[in-house]
Amino acid sequence: MTVPVQITVHNLELTEAIRAEIEKKADKLGQFFEEMQKLRIVVDLPHRHSHEGMRYEVRIDMVVPGNEIVIRRQG
């Protein structure tokens, strides 16, 4: 992928393993959107209750010619 990925994390440490996994997925995304102009990925670990476990929130902001695509995922 030719566009650098801007990775932002909240409430967790960005380890090399996490960064590598995000960049791997971003490269795969770049195969489908070759003319991507901007890619920003935000990973958040909001305050959690002890019975819920870890529930990450991921937001992907991607700019392609003529459009901005925003994807939010909670898991």
C-alpha atoms as a PDB file:
ATOM      1  CA  MET A   1       0.000   0.000   0.000  1.00  0.00           C
ATOM      2  CA  THR A   2       1.378   3.398  -0.928  1.00  0.00           C
ATOM      3  CA  VAL A   3      -0.511   5.464   1.658  1.00  0.00           C
ATOM      4  CA  PRO A   4       0.915   5.460   5.182  1.00  0.00           C
ATOM      5  CA  VAL A   5      -1.458   4.254   7.869  1.00  0.00           C
ATOM      6  CA  GLN A   6      -2.164   6.595  10.775  1.00  0.00           C
ATOM      7  CA  ILE A   7      -2.774   4.390  13.820  1.00  0.00           C
ATOM      8  CA  THR A   8      -4.211   5.831  17.026  1.00  0.00           C
ATOM      9  CA  VAL A   9      -4.984   3.872  20.175  1.00  0.00           C
ATOM     10  CA  HIS A  10      -6.875   4.886  23.309  1.00  0.00           C
ATOM     11  CA  ASN A  11      -6.680   3.177  26.711  1.00  0.00           C
ATOM     12  CA  LEU A  12      -4.227   0.483  25.628  1.00  0.00           C
ATOM     13  CA  GLU A  13      -0.594   0.082  24.673  1.00  0.00           C
ATOM     14  CA  LEU A  14       0.300  -0.086  20.984  1.00  0.00           C
ATOM     15  CA  THR A  15       2.669  -3.032  20.934  1.00  0.00           C
ATOM     16  CA  GLU A  16       4.659  -4.072  17.876  1.00  0.00           C
ATOM     17  CA  ALA A  17       2.421  -7.142  17.507  1.00  0.00           C
ATOM     18  CA  ILE A  18      -0.731  -5.006  17.436  1.00  0.00           C
ATOM     19  CA  ARG A  19       0.866  -2.524  15.023  1.00  0.00           C
ATOM     20  CA  ALA A  20       1.995  -5.347  12.716  1.00  0.00           C
ATOM     21  CA  GLU A  21      -1.495  -6.894  12.670  1.00  0.00           C
ATOM     22  CA  ILE A  22      -3.130  -3.536  11.893  1.00  0.00           C
ATOM     23  CA  GLU A  23      -0.644  -2.842   9.093  1.00  0.00           C
ATOM     24  CA  LYS A  24      -1.190  -6.339   7.664  1.00  0.00           C
ATOM     25  CA  LYS A  25      -4.963  -5.757   7.541  1.00  0.00           C
ATOM     26  CA  ALA A  26      -4.430  -2.270   6.085  1.00  0.00           C
ATOM     27  CA  ASP A  27      -2.277  -3.710   3.296  1.00  0.00           C
ATOM     28  CA  LYS A  28      -5.053  -6.151   2.460  1.00  0.00           C
ATOM     29  CA  LEU A  29      -7.552  -3.274   2.408  1.00  0.00           C
ATOM     30  CA  GLY A  30      -5.227  -1.398   0.053  1.00  0.00           C
ATOM     31  CA  GLN A  31      -5.529  -4.244  -2.466  1.00  0.00           C
ATOM     32  CA  PHE A  32      -9.231  -3.438  -2.877  1.00  0.00           C
ATOM     33  CA  PHE A  33      -8.833   0.345  -2.914  1.00  0.00           C
ATOM     34  CA  GLU A  34      -5.661   0.980  -4.905  1.00  0.00           C
ATOM     35  CA  GLU A  35      -6.337   4.717  -5.227  1.00  0.00           C
ATOM     36  CA  MET A  36      -6.704   5.245  -1.472  1.00  0.00           C
ATOM     37  CA  GLN A  37      -5.557   8.721  -0.451  1.00  0.00           C
ATOM     38  CA  LYS A  38      -5.772   8.509   3.337  1.00  0.00           C
ATOM     39  CA  LEU A  39      -6.192   5.784   5.922  1.00  0.00           C
ATOM     40  CA  ARG A  40      -6.669   6.343   9.649  1.00  0.00           C
ATOM     41  CA  ILE A  41      -7.370   3.541  12.104  1.00  0.00           C
ATOM     42  CA  VAL A  42      -8.431   4.203  15.700  1.00  0.00           C
ATOM     43  CA  VAL A  43      -8.549   1.377  18.247  1.00  0.00           C
ATOM     44  CA  ASP A  44     -10.193   2.100  21.581  1.00  0.00           C
ATOM     45  CA  LEU A  45     -10.612   0.008  24.692  1.00  0.00           C
ATOM     46  CA  PRO A  46     -13.373   1.859  26.552  1.00  0.00           C
ATOM     47  CA  HIS A  47     -13.973   1.417  30.251  1.00  0.00           C
ATOM     48  CA  ARG A  48     -15.302  -2.064  30.761  1.00  0.00           C
ATOM     49  CA  HIS A  49     -17.281  -3.874  33.387  1.00  0.00           C
ATOM     50  CA  SER A  50     -15.663  -6.968  34.834  1.00  0.00           C
ATOM     51  CA  HIS A  51     -18.337  -9.310  33.436  1.00  0.00           C
ATOM     52  CA  GLU A  52     -17.998  -8.069  29.842  1.00  0.00           C
ATOM     53  CA  GLY A  53     -14.342  -8.809  29.176  1.00  0.00           C
ATOM     54  CA  MET A  54     -12.333  -6.785  26.672  1.00  0.00           C
ATOM     55  CA  ARG A  55     -14.487  -5.136  24.019  1.00  0.00           C
ATOM     56  CA  TYR A  56     -12.469  -3.203  21.491  1.00  0.00           C
ATOM     57  CA  GLU A  57     -13.897  -0.501  19.265  1.00  0.00           C
ATOM     58  CA  VAL A  58     -12.259   0.033  15.881  1.00  0.00           C
ATOM     59  CA  ARG A  59     -12.896   2.929  13.527  1.00  0.00           C
ATOM     60  CA  ILE A  60     -11.491   3.092   9.998  1.00  0.00           C
ATOM     61  CA  ASP A  61     -11.533   6.398   8.120  1.00  0.00           C
ATOM     62  CA  MET A  62     -10.552   6.010   4.498  1.00  0.00           C
ATOM     63  CA  VAL A  63     -10.484   8.603   1.734  1.00  0.00           C
ATOM     64  CA  VAL A  64     -10.693   7.461  -1.894  1.00  0.00           C
ATOM     65  CA  PRO A  65     -11.181   9.750  -4.895  1.00  0.00           C
ATOM     66  CA  GLY A  66     -14.535  11.452  -4.475  1.00  0.00           C
ATOM     67  CA  ASN A  67     -15.580   9.680  -1.254  1.00  0.00           C
ATOM     68  CA  GLU A  68     -14.851   9.233   2.416  1.00  0.00           C
ATOM     69  CA  ILE A  69     -15.636   5.842   3.881  1.00  0.00           C
ATOM     70  CA  VAL A  70     -16.078   5.382   7.637  1.00  0.00           C
ATOM     71  CA  ILE A  71     -16.373   1.960   9.241  1.00  0.00           C
ATOM     72  CA  ARG A  72     -17.025   1.378  12.944  1.00  0.00           C
ATOM     73  CA  ARG A  73     -16.847  -2.007  14.601  1.00  0.00           C
ATOM     74  CA  GLN A  74     -17.415  -3.063  18.184  1.00  0.00           C
ATOM     75  CA  GLY A  75     -16.581  -6.527  19.292  1.00  0.00           C
END
